[in-house]
């Protein structure tokens, strides 16, 4: 299942009080999170994705993902419990003079499908290394 949100971070939003938004999902395993930054962000728009208070993206606690005219992809394997199946977007933009819209894309797979994901990925890497694909 694929989910998408366009979230606008107001100009000058401080790190101490970031723009937050709940990202409602279905129960399952988060296998990918992409953050698409428009041109003009110049690394000044910062984003984190959390589950409760656990920082999921980036995994380096206390850090932020930045970008400019690019999509930052992240592969993950995080099981969402049925009773808490949402993530939280946190974004800030200190020093900016106008708002920026970041697109958040999240892929959630059923647990029985996601359990094969790491094996499938390794098999694909193997095929690439031996030149089969």
Protein backbone atom coordinates (compact mmCIF):
# COMPACT_ATOMS: atom_id res chain seq x y z
CA UNK A 1 0.00 0.00 0.00
CA UNK A 2 1.32 3.36 -1.01
CA UNK A 3 0.57 6.61 0.84
CA UNK A 4 1.43 10.19 -0.17
CA UNK A 5 1.18 13.58 1.55
CA UNK A 6 2.20 17.07 0.41
CA UNK A 7 3.10 18.93 3.58
CA UNK A 8 3.88 22.64 3.62
CA UNK A 9 6.46 23.83 6.12
CA UNK A 10 5.88 27.53 6.86
CA UNK A 11 8.74 30.01 6.35
CA UNK A 12 11.04 30.39 9.32
CA UNK A 13 9.73 27.40 11.28
CA UNK A 14 12.16 26.84 14.17
CA UNK A 15 13.68 23.46 15.06
CA UNK A 16 12.36 23.87 18.61
CA UNK A 17 8.76 24.03 17.36
CA UNK A 18 8.55 22.11 14.07
CA UNK A 19 5.47 21.76 11.89
CA UNK A 20 3.97 18.35 12.69
CA UNK A 21 1.38 16.23 10.96
CA UNK A 22 0.04 12.74 11.63
CA UNK A 23 0.50 10.31 8.74
CA UNK A 24 -2.36 7.81 9.04
CA UNK A 25 -1.42 4.36 7.70
CA UNK A 26 -2.67 0.81 7.82
CA UNK A 27 -1.16 -1.88 10.02
CA UNK A 28 1.78 -3.61 8.37
CA UNK A 29 5.47 -3.12 7.75
CA UNK A 30 6.90 0.19 6.54
CA UNK A 31 9.41 -0.80 3.85
CA UNK A 32 10.17 2.58 2.28
CA UNK A 33 9.91 6.28 3.02
CA UNK A 34 10.76 8.87 0.35
CA UNK A 35 11.05 12.60 0.97
CA UNK A 36 10.77 14.77 -2.16
CA UNK A 37 12.20 18.27 -1.85
CA UNK A 38 11.34 20.93 -4.44
CA UNK A 39 13.95 23.18 -6.02
CA UNK A 40 14.81 26.12 -3.80
CA UNK A 41 15.00 24.33 -0.43
CA UNK A 42 18.82 24.56 -0.55
CA UNK A 43 19.15 22.21 2.42
CA UNK A 44 17.29 24.64 4.67
CA UNK A 45 14.08 22.59 5.01
CA UNK A 46 14.62 19.80 7.53
CA UNK A 47 12.41 16.73 8.03
CA UNK A 48 12.09 13.84 10.48
CA UNK A 49 9.66 10.93 10.47
CA UNK A 50 8.80 9.43 13.84
CA UNK A 51 6.72 6.61 15.29
CA UNK A 52 5.51 7.75 18.70
CA UNK A 53 8.81 9.27 19.94
CA UNK A 54 11.08 6.83 18.05
CA UNK A 55 12.90 8.58 15.20
CA UNK A 56 12.53 6.38 12.12
CA UNK A 57 13.97 8.71 9.44
CA UNK A 58 16.79 9.46 9.71
CA UNK A 59 17.88 6.79 12.15
CA UNK A 60 20.62 9.04 13.53
CA UNK A 61 18.74 10.46 16.51
CA UNK A 62 18.55 14.23 16.69
CA UNK A 63 19.44 14.71 13.01
CA UNK A 64 17.29 15.87 10.09
CA UNK A 65 16.97 14.96 6.41
CA UNK A 66 17.55 17.86 4.01
CA UNK A 67 17.55 18.24 0.26
CA UNK A 68 17.08 20.47 -2.76
CA UNK A 69 15.33 19.47 -5.99
CA UNK A 70 15.70 15.78 -5.15
CA UNK A 71 13.98 12.77 -3.67
CA UNK A 72 15.70 11.25 -0.65
CA UNK A 73 14.82 7.52 -0.54
CA UNK A 74 15.09 5.40 2.58
CA UNK A 75 14.57 1.66 2.87
CA UNK A 76 13.40 0.45 6.23
CA UNK A 77 11.70 -2.50 7.88
CA UNK A 78 9.51 -1.18 10.66
CA UNK A 79 6.43 -3.03 11.89
CA UNK A 80 3.48 -0.79 12.75
CA UNK A 81 1.38 -2.19 15.58
CA UNK A 82 -2.35 -2.44 14.81
CA UNK A 83 -3.21 -0.06 17.66
CA UNK A 84 -0.65 2.62 16.69
CA UNK A 85 -0.49 2.59 12.90
CA UNK A 86 0.52 6.15 12.14
CA UNK A 87 3.76 8.04 11.76
CA UNK A 88 4.51 11.67 12.57
CA UNK A 89 6.04 14.18 10.17
CA UNK A 90 8.16 16.90 11.78
CA UNK A 91 9.57 19.66 9.61
CA UNK A 92 11.31 22.95 10.15
CA UNK A 93 12.81 25.64 7.95
CA UNK A 94 14.86 28.08 10.02
CA UNK A 95 16.16 30.99 7.99
CA UNK A 96 13.76 30.58 5.06
CA UNK A 97 11.68 33.45 3.75
CA UNK A 98 8.84 31.53 2.11
CA UNK A 99 7.02 28.20 2.70
CA UNK A 100 8.19 24.95 1.10
CA UNK A 101 6.11 21.85 0.35
CA UNK A 102 7.75 18.48 0.94
CA UNK A 103 6.15 15.34 -0.51
CA UNK A 104 6.22 12.33 1.81
CA UNK A 105 5.74 8.86 0.28
CA UNK A 106 5.38 5.79 2.48
CA UNK A 107 5.10 2.17 1.38
CA UNK A 108 3.46 -0.28 3.80
CA UNK A 109 3.34 -4.01 3.07
CA UNK A 110 1.32 -6.70 4.86
CA UNK A 111 3.58 -8.53 7.30
CA UNK A 112 3.41 -11.80 5.35
CA UNK A 113 4.61 -10.02 2.18
CA UNK A 114 7.22 -7.85 3.88
CA UNK A 115 8.89 -10.84 5.50
CA UNK A 116 10.18 -11.82 2.04
CA UNK A 117 11.40 -8.32 1.24
CA UNK A 118 14.97 -8.62 2.66
CA UNK A 119 15.51 -11.95 0.88
CA UNK A 120 14.19 -10.58 -2.41
CA UNK A 121 16.46 -7.55 -2.13
CA UNK A 122 19.54 -9.71 -1.49
CA UNK A 123 18.67 -11.97 -4.42
CA UNK A 124 18.37 -8.93 -6.71
CA UNK A 125 21.76 -7.66 -5.53
CA UNK A 126 23.26 -11.08 -6.21
CA UNK A 127 21.84 -11.13 -9.74
CA UNK A 128 23.20 -7.63 -10.37
CA UNK A 129 26.69 -8.63 -9.16
CA UNK A 130 26.90 -11.64 -11.42
CA UNK A 131 25.63 -9.58 -14.34
CA UNK A 132 22.36 -11.44 -14.83
CA UNK A 133 20.36 -8.19 -14.68
